[in-house]
Amino acid sequence: MIWANPGEFAPQWEAKMVRPIAIAKEIRISLFPDVPTFREKGYDVTFYLFRGVVAPSGIPEETIAFYENMLKRVTETAAWKRNYLDRHMLSHAWVGYKEYTAFIIDQEKIYREFLTEMGVLK
């Protein structure tokens, strides 16, 4: 079993070496239209692999604004969509630094709780 973006295992799927059994999104994805979501199978599971850019705390607001604006513009280009998102079968989701910071804090709480319940963290 693996948690992976579709592009990370598509070659193995095409070679019939793996078989996706469920999708951890709210809806099915076009690459695997016949693969149900975990929710369709009766499990309340959604999971997202996410990427972001981080920097040390204390950098000036104008520096944050510069890089945030630059990165947002990059993600709006056709080249980004074609050469990154489409190539790796990823979904686009842009959030600014304030939203991403809050997201990371929330995710840390979720992972800490889950890993504690599993006995991985004490």
PDB file of N, CA and C in Angstrom:
ATOM      1  N   MET A   1       0.844  -1.174   0.000  1.00  0.00           N
ATOM      2  CA  MET A   1       0.000   0.000   0.000  1.00  0.00           C
ATOM      3  C   MET A   1       0.886   1.232   0.000  1.00  0.00           C
ATOM      4  N   ILE A   2       0.455   2.234  -0.742  1.00  0.00           N
ATOM      5  CA  ILE A   2       1.167   3.514  -0.744  1.00  0.00           C
ATOM      6  C   ILE A   2       0.161   4.648  -0.793  1.00  0.00           C
ATOM      7  N   TRP A   3       0.574   5.780  -0.256  1.00  0.00           N
ATOM      8  CA  TRP A   3      -0.107   7.049  -0.504  1.00  0.00           C
ATOM      9  C   TRP A   3       0.776   7.737  -1.522  1.00  0.00           C
ATOM     10  N   ALA A   4       0.229   8.076  -2.656  1.00  0.00           N
ATOM     11  CA  ALA A   4       1.054   8.697  -3.692  1.00  0.00           C
ATOM     12  C   ALA A   4       0.198   9.538  -4.615  1.00  0.00           C
ATOM     13  N   ASN A   5       0.842  10.500  -5.231  1.00  0.00           N
ATOM     14  CA  ASN A   5       0.190  11.225  -6.313  1.00  0.00           C
ATOM     15  C   ASN A   5       0.117  10.282  -7.512  1.00  0.00           C
ATOM     16  N   PRO A   6      -0.896  10.420  -8.344  1.00  0.00           N
ATOM     17  CA  PRO A   6      -1.045   9.498  -9.481  1.00  0.00           C
ATOM     18  C   PRO A   6       0.210   9.395 -10.346  1.00  0.00           C
ATOM     19  N   GLY A   7       0.859  10.511 -10.609  1.00  0.00           N
ATOM     20  CA  GLY A   7       2.041  10.493 -11.461  1.00  0.00           C
ATOM     21  C   GLY A   7       3.205   9.710 -10.884  1.00  0.00           C
ATOM     22  N   GLU A   8       3.177   9.480  -9.576  1.00  0.00           N
ATOM     23  CA  GLU A   8       4.277   8.759  -8.931  1.00  0.00           C
ATOM     24  C   GLU A   8       4.173   7.247  -9.118  1.00  0.00           C
ATOM     25  N   PHE A   9       2.997   6.756  -9.461  1.00  0.00           N
ATOM     26  CA  PHE A   9       2.875   5.319  -9.674  1.00  0.00           C
ATOM     27  C   PHE A   9       2.212   4.964 -11.002  1.00  0.00           C
ATOM     28  N   ALA A  10       1.920   5.950 -11.843  1.00  0.00           N
ATOM     29  CA  ALA A  10       1.271   5.680 -13.127  1.00  0.00           C
ATOM     30  C   ALA A  10       2.043   4.681 -13.994  1.00  0.00           C
ATOM     31  N   PRO A  11       3.378   4.762 -14.069  1.00  0.00           N
ATOM     32  CA  PRO A  11       4.083   3.758 -14.883  1.00  0.00           C
ATOM     33  C   PRO A  11       3.864   2.322 -14.382  1.00  0.00           C
ATOM     34  N   GLN A  12       3.839   2.136 -13.061  1.00  0.00           N
ATOM     35  CA  GLN A  12       3.596   0.799 -12.517  1.00  0.00           C
ATOM     36  C   GLN A  12       2.158   0.367 -12.784  1.00  0.00           C
ATOM     37  N   TRP A  13       1.225   1.317 -12.726  1.00  0.00           N
ATOM     38  CA  TRP A  13      -0.177   1.019 -13.020  1.00  0.00           C
ATOM     39  C   TRP A  13      -0.320   0.601 -14.482  1.00  0.00           C
ATOM     40  N   GLU A  14       0.310   1.377 -15.381  1.00  0.00           N
ATOM     41  CA  GLU A  14       0.227   1.061 -16.810  1.00  0.00           C
ATOM     42  C   GLU A  14       0.849  -0.304 -17.112  1.00  0.00           C
ATOM     43  N   ALA A  15       1.879  -0.701 -16.341  1.00  0.00           N
ATOM     44  CA  ALA A  15       2.525  -2.005 -16.513  1.00  0.00           C
ATOM     45  C   ALA A  15       1.773  -3.114 -15.776  1.00  0.00           C
ATOM     46  N   LYS A  16       0.641  -2.763 -15.164  1.00  0.00           N
ATOM     47  CA  LYS A  16      -0.192  -3.705 -14.402  1.00  0.00           C
ATOM     48  C   LYS A  16       0.553  -4.326 -13.219  1.00  0.00           C
ATOM     49  N   MET A  17       1.431  -3.511 -12.598  1.00  0.00           N
ATOM     50  CA  MET A  17       2.170  -3.961 -11.417  1.00  0.00           C
ATOM     51  C   MET A  17       1.481  -3.536 -10.123  1.00  0.00           C
ATOM     52  N   VAL A  18       0.592  -2.556 -10.198  1.00  0.00           N
ATOM     53  CA  VAL A  18      -0.160  -2.092  -9.036  1.00  0.00           C
ATOM     54  C   VAL A  18      -1.615  -1.926  -9.432  1.00  0.00           C
ATOM     55  N   ARG A  19      -2.477  -1.900  -8.410  1.00  0.00           N
ATOM     56  CA  ARG A  19      -3.899  -1.713  -8.659  1.00  0.00           C
ATOM     57  C   ARG A  19      -4.431  -0.733  -7.621  1.00  0.00           C
ATOM     58  N   PRO A  20      -4.830   0.466  -8.051  1.00  0.00           N
ATOM     59  CA  PRO A  20      -5.412   1.400  -7.087  1.00  0.00           C
ATOM     60  C   PRO A  20      -6.756   0.874  -6.585  1.00  0.00           C
ATOM     61  N   ILE A  21      -6.950   0.945  -5.263  1.00  0.00           N
ATOM     62  CA  ILE A  21      -8.193   0.430  -4.692  1.00  0.00           C
ATOM     63  C   ILE A  21      -9.111   1.538  -4.200  1.00  0.00           C
ATOM     64  N   ALA A  22      -8.549   2.705  -3.932  1.00  0.00           N
ATOM     65  CA  ALA A  22      -9.370   3.825  -3.478  1.00  0.00           C
ATOM     66  C   ALA A  22      -8.586   5.120  -3.652  1.00  0.00           C
ATOM     67  N   ILE A  23      -9.341   6.201  -3.804  1.00  0.00           N
ATOM     68  CA  ILE A  23      -8.779   7.534  -3.953  1.00  0.00           C
ATOM     69  C   ILE A  23      -9.076   8.311  -2.677  1.00  0.00           C
ATOM     70  N   ALA A  24      -8.073   8.989  -2.140  1.00  0.00           N
ATOM     71  CA  ALA A  24      -8.244   9.717  -0.869  1.00  0.00           C
ATOM     72  C   ALA A  24      -8.624  11.177  -1.110  1.00  0.00           C
ATOM     73  N   LYS A  25      -9.464  11.418  -2.092  1.00  0.00           N
ATOM     74  CA  LYS A  25     -10.004  12.753  -2.366  1.00  0.00           C
ATOM     75  C   LYS A  25     -11.513  12.688  -2.197  1.00  0.00           C
ATOM     76  N   GLU A  26     -12.155  13.856  -2.241  1.00  0.00           N
ATOM     77  CA  GLU A  26     -13.610  13.896  -2.110  1.00  0.00           C
ATOM     78  C   GLU A  26     -14.307  13.314  -3.325  1.00  0.00           C
ATOM     79  N   ILE A  27     -13.662  13.441  -4.497  1.00  0.00           N
ATOM     80  CA  ILE A  27     -14.269  12.951  -5.739  1.00  0.00           C
ATOM     81  C   ILE A  27     -13.263  12.079  -6.483  1.00  0.00           C
ATOM     82  N   ARG A  28     -13.773  11.261  -7.387  1.00  0.00           N
ATOM     83  CA  ARG A  28     -12.906  10.430  -8.214  1.00  0.00           C
ATOM     84  C   ARG A  28     -12.047  11.310  -9.117  1.00  0.00           C
ATOM     85  N   ILE A  29     -10.947  10.742  -9.622  1.00  0.00           N
ATOM     86  CA  ILE A  29     -10.084  11.501 -10.518  1.00  0.00           C
ATOM     87  C   ILE A  29     -10.162  10.909 -11.920  1.00  0.00           C
ATOM     88  N   SER A  30      -9.923  11.747 -12.914  1.00  0.00           N
ATOM     89  CA  SER A  30     -10.117  11.338 -14.303  1.00  0.00           C
ATOM     90  C   SER A  30      -9.185  10.219 -14.746  1.00  0.00           C
ATOM     91  N   LEU A  31      -7.984  10.146 -14.201  1.00  0.00           N
ATOM     92  CA  LEU A  31      -7.056   9.088 -14.595  1.00  0.00           C
ATOM     93  C   LEU A  31      -7.596   7.707 -14.217  1.00  0.00           C
ATOM     94  N   PHE A  32      -8.317   7.635 -13.097  1.00  0.00           N
ATOM     95  CA  PHE A  32      -8.858   6.370 -12.609  1.00  0.00           C
ATOM     96  C   PHE A  32     -10.367   6.504 -12.383  1.00  0.00           C
ATOM     97  N   PRO A  33     -11.143   6.654 -13.440  1.00  0.00           N
ATOM     98  CA  PRO A  33     -12.576   6.903 -13.264  1.00  0.00           C
ATOM     99  C   PRO A  33     -13.333   5.765 -12.596  1.00  0.00           C
ATOM    100  N   ASP A  34     -12.797   4.557 -12.646  1.00  0.00           N
ATOM    101  CA  ASP A  34     -13.479   3.405 -12.052  1.00  0.00           C
ATOM    102  C   ASP A  34     -13.025   3.118 -10.618  1.00  0.00           C
ATOM    103  N   VAL A  35     -12.071   3.915 -10.108  1.00  0.00           N
ATOM    104  CA  VAL A  35     -11.577   3.696  -8.746  1.00  0.00           C
ATOM    105  C   VAL A  35     -12.387   4.583  -7.802  1.00  0.00           C
ATOM    106  N   PRO A  36     -13.073   3.966  -6.836  1.00  0.00           N
ATOM    107  CA  PRO A  36     -13.899   4.756  -5.907  1.00  0.00           C
ATOM    108  C   PRO A  36     -13.057   5.544  -4.915  1.00  0.00           C
ATOM    109  N   THR A  37     -13.688   6.503  -4.295  1.00  0.00           N
ATOM    110  CA  THR A  37     -13.034   7.221  -3.202  1.00  0.00           C
ATOM    111  C   THR A  37     -13.150   6.371  -1.935  1.00  0.00           C
ATOM    112  N   PHE A  38     -12.331   6.694  -0.933  1.00  0.00           N
ATOM    113  CA  PHE A  38     -12.458   5.999   0.350  1.00  0.00           C
ATOM    114  C   PHE A  38     -13.856   6.211   0.932  1.00  0.00           C
ATOM    115  N   ARG A  39     -14.383   7.423   0.764  1.00  0.00           N
ATOM    116  CA  ARG A  39     -15.729   7.701   1.286  1.00  0.00           C
ATOM    117  C   ARG A  39     -16.769   6.818   0.619  1.00  0.00           C
ATOM    118  N   GLU A  40     -16.631   6.583  -0.678  1.00  0.00           N
ATOM    119  CA  GLU A  40     -17.562   5.688  -1.368  1.00  0.00           C
ATOM    120  C   GLU A  40     -17.468   4.268  -0.824  1.00  0.00           C
ATOM    121  N   LYS A  41     -16.319   3.901  -0.299  1.00  0.00           N
ATOM    122  CA  LYS A  41     -16.125   2.566   0.273  1.00  0.00           C
ATOM    123  C   LYS A  41     -16.507   2.524   1.757  1.00  0.00           C
ATOM    124  N   GLY A  42     -16.958   3.668   2.293  1.00  0.00           N
ATOM    125  CA  GLY A  42     -17.413   3.687   3.672  1.00  0.00           C
ATOM    126  C   GLY A  42     -16.404   4.179   4.698  1.00  0.00           C
ATOM    127  N   TYR A  43     -15.274   4.708   4.234  1.00  0.00           N
ATOM    128  CA  TYR A  43     -14.251   5.224   5.147  1.00  0.00           C
ATOM    129  C   TYR A  43     -14.178   6.734   5.015  1.00  0.00           C
ATOM    130  N   ASP A  44     -14.261   7.442   6.108  1.00  0.00           N
ATOM    131  CA  ASP A  44     -14.205   8.902   6.086  1.00  0.00           C
ATOM    132  C   ASP A  44     -12.741   9.346   6.029  1.00  0.00           C
ATOM    133  N   VAL A  45     -12.135   9.157   4.862  1.00  0.00           N
ATOM    134  CA  VAL A  45     -10.721   9.445   4.684  1.00  0.00           C
ATOM    135  C   VAL A  45     -10.522  10.358   3.477  1.00  0.00           C
ATOM    136  N   THR A  46      -9.861  11.456   3.716  1.00  0.00           N
ATOM    137  CA  THR A  46      -9.319  12.287   2.643  1.00  0.00           C
ATOM    138  C   THR A  46      -7.897  12.620   3.046  1.00  0.00           C
ATOM    139  N   PHE A  47      -7.035  12.732   2.080  1.00  0.00           N
ATOM    140  CA  PHE A  47      -5.634  13.004   2.375  1.00  0.00           C
ATOM    141  C   PHE A  47      -5.031  13.716   1.187  1.00  0.00           C
ATOM    142  N   TYR A  48      -4.238  14.726   1.473  1.00  0.00           N
ATOM    143  CA  TYR A  48      -3.588  15.477   0.415  1.00  0.00           C
ATOM    144  C   TYR A  48      -2.097  15.532   0.662  1.00  0.00           C
ATOM    145  N   LEU A  49      -1.347  15.235  -0.374  1.00  0.00           N
ATOM    146  CA  LEU A  49       0.080  15.479  -0.344  1.00  0.00           C
ATOM    147  C   LEU A  49       0.235  16.928  -0.791  1.00  0.00           C
ATOM    148  N   PHE A  50       0.971  17.705  -0.052  1.00  0.00           N
ATOM    149  CA  PHE A  50       1.065  19.123  -0.383  1.00  0.00           C
ATOM    150  C   PHE A  50       2.513  19.564  -0.450  1.00  0.00           C
ATOM    151  N   ARG A  51       2.714  20.652  -1.158  1.00  0.00           N
ATOM    152  CA  ARG A  51       4.033  21.228  -1.332  1.00  0.00           C
ATOM    153  C   ARG A  51       3.945  22.714  -1.029  1.00  0.00           C
ATOM    154  N   GLY A  52       5.030  23.263  -0.572  1.00  0.00           N
ATOM    155  CA  GLY A  52       5.051  24.687  -0.300  1.00  0.00           C
ATOM    156  C   GLY A  52       6.478  25.179  -0.175  1.00  0.00           C
ATOM    157  N   VAL A  53       6.598  26.452  -0.070  1.00  0.00           N
ATOM    158  CA  VAL A  53       7.898  27.098   0.111  1.00  0.00           C
ATOM    159  C   VAL A  53       7.919  27.675   1.512  1.00  0.00           C
ATOM    160  N   VAL A  54       8.995  27.450   2.225  1.00  0.00           N
ATOM    161  CA  VAL A  54       9.116  27.977   3.585  1.00  0.00           C
ATOM    162  C   VAL A  54      10.368  28.835   3.679  1.00  0.00           C
ATOM    163  N   ALA A  55      10.373  29.699   4.682  1.00  0.00           N
ATOM    164  CA  ALA A  55      11.513  30.589   4.923  1.00  0.00           C
ATOM    165  C   ALA A  55      11.628  30.791   6.428  1.00  0.00           C
ATOM    166  N   PRO A  56      12.767  31.251   6.872  1.00  0.00           N
ATOM    167  CA  PRO A  56      12.916  31.496   8.314  1.00  0.00           C
ATOM    168  C   PRO A  56      11.980  32.600   8.781  1.00  0.00           C
ATOM    169  N   SER A  57      11.602  32.532  10.042  1.00  0.00           N
ATOM    170  CA  SER A  57      10.758  33.596  10.578  1.00  0.00           C
ATOM    171  C   SER A  57      11.556  34.893  10.640  1.00  0.00           C
ATOM    172  N   GLY A  58      10.826  35.991  10.663  1.00  0.00           N
ATOM    173  CA  GLY A  58      11.463  37.297  10.811  1.00  0.00           C
ATOM    174  C   GLY A  58      11.891  37.973   9.526  1.00  0.00           C
ATOM    175  N   ILE A  59      11.617  37.366   8.368  1.00  0.00           N
ATOM    176  CA  ILE A  59      11.996  38.068   7.140  1.00  0.00           C
ATOM    177  C   ILE A  59      11.002  39.207   6.906  1.00  0.00           C
ATOM    178  N   PRO A  60      11.445  40.277   6.274  1.00  0.00           N
ATOM    179  CA  PRO A  60      10.575  41.442   6.096  1.00  0.00           C
ATOM    180  C   PRO A  60       9.320  41.141   5.270  1.00  0.00           C
ATOM    181  N   GLU A  61       8.229  41.809   5.611  1.00  0.00           N
ATOM    182  CA  GLU A  61       6.956  41.634   4.893  1.00  0.00           C
ATOM    183  C   GLU A  61       7.100  41.900   3.400  1.00  0.00           C
ATOM    184  N   GLU A  62       7.908  42.897   3.020  1.00  0.00           N
ATOM    185  CA  GLU A  62       8.059  43.190   1.588  1.00  0.00           C
ATOM    186  C   GLU A  62       8.784  42.051   0.867  1.00  0.00           C
ATOM    187  N   THR A  63       9.668  41.351   1.550  1.00  0.00           N
ATOM    188  CA  THR A  63      10.336  40.191   0.956  1.00  0.00           C
ATOM    189  C   THR A  63       9.330  39.058   0.768  1.00  0.00           C
ATOM    190  N   ILE A  64       8.504  38.832   1.775  1.00  0.00           N
ATOM    191  CA  ILE A  64       7.449  37.818   1.671  1.00  0.00           C
ATOM    192  C   ILE A  64       6.536  38.157   0.499  1.00  0.00           C
ATOM    193  N   ALA A  65       6.114  39.406   0.416  1.00  0.00           N
ATOM    194  CA  ALA A  65       5.206  39.832  -0.654  1.00  0.00           C
ATOM    195  C   ALA A  65       5.842  39.631  -2.025  1.00  0.00           C
ATOM    196  N   PHE A  66       7.127  39.948  -2.152  1.00  0.00           N
ATOM    197  CA  PHE A  66       7.829  39.785  -3.425  1.00  0.00           C
ATOM    198  C   PHE A  66       7.787  38.323  -3.879  1.00  0.00           C
ATOM    199  N   TYR A  67       8.214  37.413  -3.003  1.00  0.00           N
ATOM    200  CA  TYR A  67       8.276  36.000  -3.373  1.00  0.00           C
ATOM    201  C   TYR A  67       6.884  35.389  -3.542  1.00  0.00           C
ATOM    202  N   GLU A  68       5.955  35.801  -2.707  1.00  0.00           N
ATOM    203  CA  GLU A  68       4.594  35.300  -2.844  1.00  0.00           C
ATOM    204  C   GLU A  68       4.020  35.697  -4.205  1.00  0.00           C
ATOM    205  N   ASN A  69       4.197  36.936  -4.595  1.00  0.00           N
ATOM    206  CA  ASN A  69       3.711  37.420  -5.885  1.00  0.00           C
ATOM    207  C   ASN A  69       4.401  36.694  -7.039  1.00  0.00           C
ATOM    208  N   MET A  70       5.719  36.527  -6.939  1.00  0.00           N
ATOM    209  CA  MET A  70       6.463  35.862  -7.996  1.00  0.00           C
ATOM    210  C   MET A  70       6.003  34.412  -8.151  1.00  0.00           C
ATOM    211  N   LEU A  71       5.889  33.693  -7.026  1.00  0.00           N
ATOM    212  CA  LEU A  71       5.484  32.290  -7.087  1.00  0.00           C
ATOM    213  C   LEU A  71       4.047  32.139  -7.581  1.00  0.00           C
ATOM    214  N   LYS A  72       3.188  33.033  -7.183  1.00  0.00           N
ATOM    215  CA  LYS A  72       1.797  32.974  -7.658  1.00  0.00           C
ATOM    216  C   LYS A  72       1.750  33.168  -9.170  1.00  0.00           C
ATOM    217  N   ARG A  73       2.523  34.121  -9.675  1.00  0.00           N
ATOM    218  CA  ARG A  73       2.557  34.346 -11.129  1.00  0.00           C
ATOM    219  C   ARG A  73       3.083  33.106 -11.859  1.00  0.00           C
ATOM    220  N   VAL A  74       4.091  32.450 -11.304  1.00  0.00           N
ATOM    221  CA  VAL A  74       4.626  31.234 -11.922  1.00  0.00           C
ATOM    222  C   VAL A  74       3.531  30.178 -12.025  1.00  0.00           C
ATOM    223  N   THR A  75       2.764  29.997 -10.944  1.00  0.00           N
ATOM    224  CA  THR A  75       1.741  28.949 -10.942  1.00  0.00           C
ATOM    225  C   THR A  75       0.570  29.259 -11.864  1.00  0.00           C
ATOM    226  N   GLU A  76       0.505  30.453 -12.391  1.00  0.00           N
ATOM    227  CA  GLU A  76      -0.569  30.826 -13.315  1.00  0.00           C
ATOM    228  C   GLU A  76      -0.170  30.652 -14.778  1.00  0.00           C
ATOM    229  N   THR A  77       1.060  30.232 -15.034  1.00  0.00           N
ATOM    230  CA  THR A  77       1.529  30.111 -16.411  1.00  0.00           C
ATOM    231  C   THR A  77       1.138  28.774 -17.025  1.00  0.00           C
ATOM    232  N   ALA A  78       1.027  28.782 -18.345  1.00  0.00           N
ATOM    233  CA  ALA A  78       0.737  27.542 -19.073  1.00  0.00           C
ATOM    234  C   ALA A  78       1.883  26.550 -18.908  1.00  0.00           C
ATOM    235  N   ALA A  79       3.107  27.052 -18.854  1.00  0.00           N
ATOM    236  CA  ALA A  79       4.267  26.168 -18.694  1.00  0.00           C
ATOM    237  C   ALA A  79       4.211  25.427 -17.361  1.00  0.00           C
ATOM    238  N   TRP A  80       3.808  26.113 -16.286  1.00  0.00           N
ATOM    239  CA  TRP A  80       3.668  25.466 -14.976  1.00  0.00           C
ATOM    240  C   TRP A  80       2.626  24.351 -15.053  1.00  0.00           C
ATOM    241  N   LYS A  81       1.501  24.669 -15.661  1.00  0.00           N
ATOM    242  CA  LYS A  81       0.435  23.675 -15.758  1.00  0.00           C
ATOM    243  C   LYS A  81       0.892  22.475 -16.580  1.00  0.00           C
ATOM    244  N   ARG A  82       1.488  22.734 -17.722  1.00  0.00           N
ATOM    245  CA  ARG A  82       1.889  21.656 -18.634  1.00  0.00           C
ATOM    246  C   ARG A  82       3.086  20.866 -18.085  1.00  0.00           C
ATOM    247  N   ASN A  83       4.125  21.565 -17.656  1.00  0.00           N
ATOM    248  CA  ASN A  83       5.377  20.903 -17.291  1.00  0.00           C
ATOM    249  C   ASN A  83       5.452  20.420 -15.849  1.00  0.00           C
ATOM    250  N   TYR A  84       4.538  20.865 -15.013  1.00  0.00           N
ATOM    251  CA  TYR A  84       4.575  20.417 -13.619  1.00  0.00           C
ATOM    252  C   TYR A  84       3.271  19.720 -13.236  1.00  0.00           C
ATOM    253  N   LEU A  85       2.168  20.455 -13.268  1.00  0.00           N
ATOM    254  CA  LEU A  85       0.905  19.864 -12.822  1.00  0.00           C
ATOM    255  C   LEU A  85       0.472  18.701 -13.702  1.00  0.00           C
ATOM    256  N   ASP A  86       0.345  18.948 -14.995  1.00  0.00           N
ATOM    257  CA  ASP A  86      -0.126  17.894 -15.897  1.00  0.00           C
ATOM    258  C   ASP A  86       0.865  16.738 -15.967  1.00  0.00           C
ATOM    259  N   ARG A  87       2.133  17.064 -16.062  1.00  0.00           N
ATOM    260  CA  ARG A  87       3.174  16.034 -16.172  1.00  0.00           C
ATOM    261  C   ARG A  87       3.165  15.081 -14.978  1.00  0.00           C
ATOM    262  N   HIS A  88       2.903  15.619 -13.792  1.00  0.00           N
ATOM    263  CA  HIS A  88       2.913  14.801 -12.583  1.00  0.00           C
ATOM    264  C   HIS A  88       1.503  14.467 -12.079  1.00  0.00           C
ATOM    265  N   MET A  89       0.502  14.828 -12.872  1.00  0.00           N
ATOM    266  CA  MET A  89      -0.904  14.540 -12.562  1.00  0.00           C
ATOM    267  C   MET A  89      -1.305  15.115 -11.204  1.00  0.00           C
ATOM    268  N   LEU A  90      -0.977  16.371 -10.993  1.00  0.00           N
ATOM    269  CA  LEU A  90      -1.263  17.050  -9.729  1.00  0.00           C
ATOM    270  C   LEU A  90      -2.427  18.013  -9.886  1.00  0.00           C
ATOM    271  N   SER A  91      -3.068  18.319  -8.784  1.00  0.00           N
ATOM    272  CA  SER A  91      -4.138  19.311  -8.764  1.00  0.00           C
ATOM    273  C   SER A  91      -3.555  20.648  -8.333  1.00  0.00           C
ATOM    274  N   HIS A  92      -4.085  21.708  -8.897  1.00  0.00           N
ATOM    275  CA  HIS A  92      -3.626  23.047  -8.545  1.00  0.00           C
ATOM    276  C   HIS A  92      -4.390  23.572  -7.338  1.00  0.00           C
ATOM    277  N   ALA A  93      -3.653  24.116  -6.404  1.00  0.00           N
ATOM    278  CA  ALA A  93      -4.267  24.787  -5.258  1.00  0.00           C
ATOM    279  C   ALA A  93      -3.279  25.826  -4.760  1.00  0.00           C
ATOM    280  N   TRP A  94      -3.609  27.078  -4.932  1.00  0.00           N
ATOM    281  CA  TRP A  94      -2.728  28.159  -4.478  1.00  0.00           C
ATOM    282  C   TRP A  94      -3.276  28.746  -3.191  1.00  0.00           C
ATOM    283  N   VAL A  95      -2.404  28.918  -2.206  1.00  0.00           N
ATOM    284  CA  VAL A  95      -2.748  29.688  -1.016  1.00  0.00           C
ATOM    285  C   VAL A  95      -1.561  30.578  -0.692  1.00  0.00           C
ATOM    286  N   GLY A  96      -1.842  31.733  -0.152  1.00  0.00           N
ATOM    287  CA  GLY A  96      -0.804  32.667   0.243  1.00  0.00           C
ATOM    288  C   GLY A  96      -0.146  32.236   1.546  1.00  0.00           C
ATOM    289  N   TYR A  97       0.855  32.992   1.957  1.00  0.00           N
ATOM    290  CA  TYR A  97       1.656  32.566   3.102  1.00  0.00           C
ATOM    291  C   TYR A  97       0.862  32.516   4.401  1.00  0.00           C
ATOM    292  N   LYS A  98      -0.069  33.431   4.604  1.00  0.00           N
ATOM    293  CA  LYS A  98      -0.846  33.397   5.846  1.00  0.00           C
ATOM    294  C   LYS A  98      -1.718  32.142   5.913  1.00  0.00           C
ATOM    295  N   GLU A  99      -2.375  31.827   4.803  1.00  0.00           N
ATOM    296  CA  GLU A  99      -3.214  30.633   4.753  1.00  0.00           C
ATOM    297  C   GLU A  99      -2.366  29.365   4.854  1.00  0.00           C
ATOM    298  N   TYR A 100      -1.212  29.373   4.189  1.00  0.00           N
ATOM    299  CA  TYR A 100      -0.347  28.196   4.228  1.00  0.00           C
ATOM    300  C   TYR A 100       0.217  27.973   5.633  1.00  0.00           C
ATOM    301  N   THR A 101       0.579  29.051   6.306  1.00  0.00           N
ATOM    302  CA  THR A 101       1.065  28.944   7.685  1.00  0.00           C
ATOM    303  C   THR A 101      -0.002  28.326   8.579  1.00  0.00           C
ATOM    304  N   ALA A 102      -1.234  28.811   8.466  1.00  0.00           N
ATOM    305  CA  ALA A 102      -2.338  28.260   9.260  1.00  0.00           C
ATOM    306  C   ALA A 102      -2.568  26.790   8.902  1.00  0.00           C
ATOM    307  N   PHE A 103      -2.485  26.468   7.624  1.00  0.00           N
ATOM    308  CA  PHE A 103      -2.667  25.091   7.168  1.00  0.00           C
ATOM    309  C   PHE A 103      -1.619  24.173   7.786  1.00  0.00           C
ATOM    310  N   ILE A 104      -0.370  24.587   7.756  1.00  0.00           N
ATOM    311  CA  ILE A 104       0.718  23.778   8.314  1.00  0.00           C
ATOM    312  C   ILE A 104       0.515  23.569   9.816  1.00  0.00           C
ATOM    313  N   ILE A 105       0.108  24.602  10.518  1.00  0.00           N
ATOM    314  CA  ILE A 105      -0.157  24.475  11.957  1.00  0.00           C
ATOM    315  C   ILE A 105      -1.276  23.471  12.205  1.00  0.00           C
ATOM    316  N   ASP A 106      -2.348  23.554  11.420  1.00  0.00           N
ATOM    317  CA  ASP A 106      -3.456  22.599  11.552  1.00  0.00           C
ATOM    318  C   ASP A 106      -3.015  21.177  11.233  1.00  0.00           C
ATOM    319  N   GLN A 107      -2.239  21.017  10.166  1.00  0.00           N
ATOM    320  CA  GLN A 107      -1.771  19.687   9.790  1.00  0.00           C
ATOM    321  C   GLN A 107      -0.877  19.088  10.875  1.00  0.00           C
ATOM    322  N   GLU A 108      -0.044  19.902  11.472  1.00  0.00           N
ATOM    323  CA  GLU A 108       0.840  19.418  12.535  1.00  0.00           C
ATOM    324  C   GLU A 108       0.011  18.868  13.693  1.00  0.00           C
ATOM    325  N   LYS A 109      -1.062  19.530  14.032  1.00  0.00           N
ATOM    326  CA  LYS A 109      -1.949  19.050  15.103  1.00  0.00           C
ATOM    327  C   LYS A 109      -2.577  17.712  14.724  1.00  0.00           C
ATOM    328  N   ILE A 110      -3.048  17.601  13.493  1.00  0.00           N
ATOM    329  CA  ILE A 110      -3.683  16.370  13.028  1.00  0.00           C
ATOM    330  C   ILE A 110      -2.680  15.214  13.061  1.00  0.00           C
ATOM    331  N   TYR A 111      -1.486  15.433  12.503  1.00  0.00           N
ATOM    332  CA  TYR A 111      -0.472  14.382  12.486  1.00  0.00           C
ATOM    333  C   TYR A 111      -0.041  14.003  13.901  1.00  0.00           C
ATOM    334  N   ARG A 112       0.139  14.987  14.770  1.00  0.00           N
ATOM    335  CA  ARG A 112       0.549  14.703  16.145  1.00  0.00           C
ATOM    336  C   ARG A 112      -0.501  13.829  16.844  1.00  0.00           C
ATOM    337  N   GLU A 113      -1.776  14.188  16.691  1.00  0.00           N
ATOM    338  CA  GLU A 113      -2.846  13.408  17.316  1.00  0.00           C
ATOM    339  C   GLU A 113      -2.874  11.983  16.768  1.00  0.00           C
ATOM    340  N   PHE A 114      -2.815  11.863  15.464  1.00  0.00           N
ATOM    341  CA  PHE A 114      -2.858  10.557  14.819  1.00  0.00           C
ATOM    342  C   PHE A 114      -1.668   9.691  15.226  1.00  0.00           C
ATOM    343  N   LEU A 115      -0.467  10.257  15.185  1.00  0.00           N
ATOM    344  CA  LEU A 115       0.731   9.492  15.525  1.00  0.00           C
ATOM    345  C   LEU A 115       0.785   9.139  17.005  1.00  0.00           C
ATOM    346  N   THR A 116       0.210   9.993  17.847  1.00  0.00           N
ATOM    347  CA  THR A 116       0.122   9.675  19.271  1.00  0.00           C
ATOM    348  C   THR A 116      -0.834   8.507  19.501  1.00  0.00           C
ATOM    349  N   GLU A 117      -1.992   8.556  18.830  1.00  0.00           N
ATOM    350  CA  GLU A 117      -2.960   7.449  18.941  1.00  0.00           C
ATOM    351  C   GLU A 117      -2.354   6.127  18.483  1.00  0.00           C
ATOM    352  N   MET A 118      -1.510   6.178  17.484  1.00  0.00           N
ATOM    353  CA  MET A 118      -0.877   4.964  16.969  1.00  0.00           C
ATOM    354  C   MET A 118       0.280   4.499  17.850  1.00  0.00           C
ATOM    355  N   GLY A 119       0.705   5.338  18.790  1.00  0.00           N
ATOM    356  CA  GLY A 119       1.821   4.975  19.657  1.00  0.00           C
ATOM    357  C   GLY A 119       3.181   5.315  19.096  1.00  0.00           C
ATOM    358  N   VAL A 120       3.206   6.016  17.955  1.00  0.00           N
ATOM    359  CA  VAL A 120       4.481   6.399  17.351  1.00  0.00           C
ATOM    360  C   VAL A 120       5.096   7.543  18.141  1.00  0.00           C
ATOM    361  N   LEU A 121       4.267   8.491  18.588  1.00  0.00           N
ATOM    362  CA  LEU A 121       4.718   9.598  19.429  1.00  0.00           C
ATOM    363  C   LEU A 121       4.223   9.361  20.837  1.00  0.00           C
ATOM    364  N   LYS A 122       4.993   9.786  21.793  1.00  0.00           N
ATOM    365  CA  LYS A 122       4.588   9.663  23.208  1.00  0.00           C
ATOM    366  C   LYS A 122       4.123  11.014  23.714  1.00  0.00           C
TER     367      LYS A 122
END
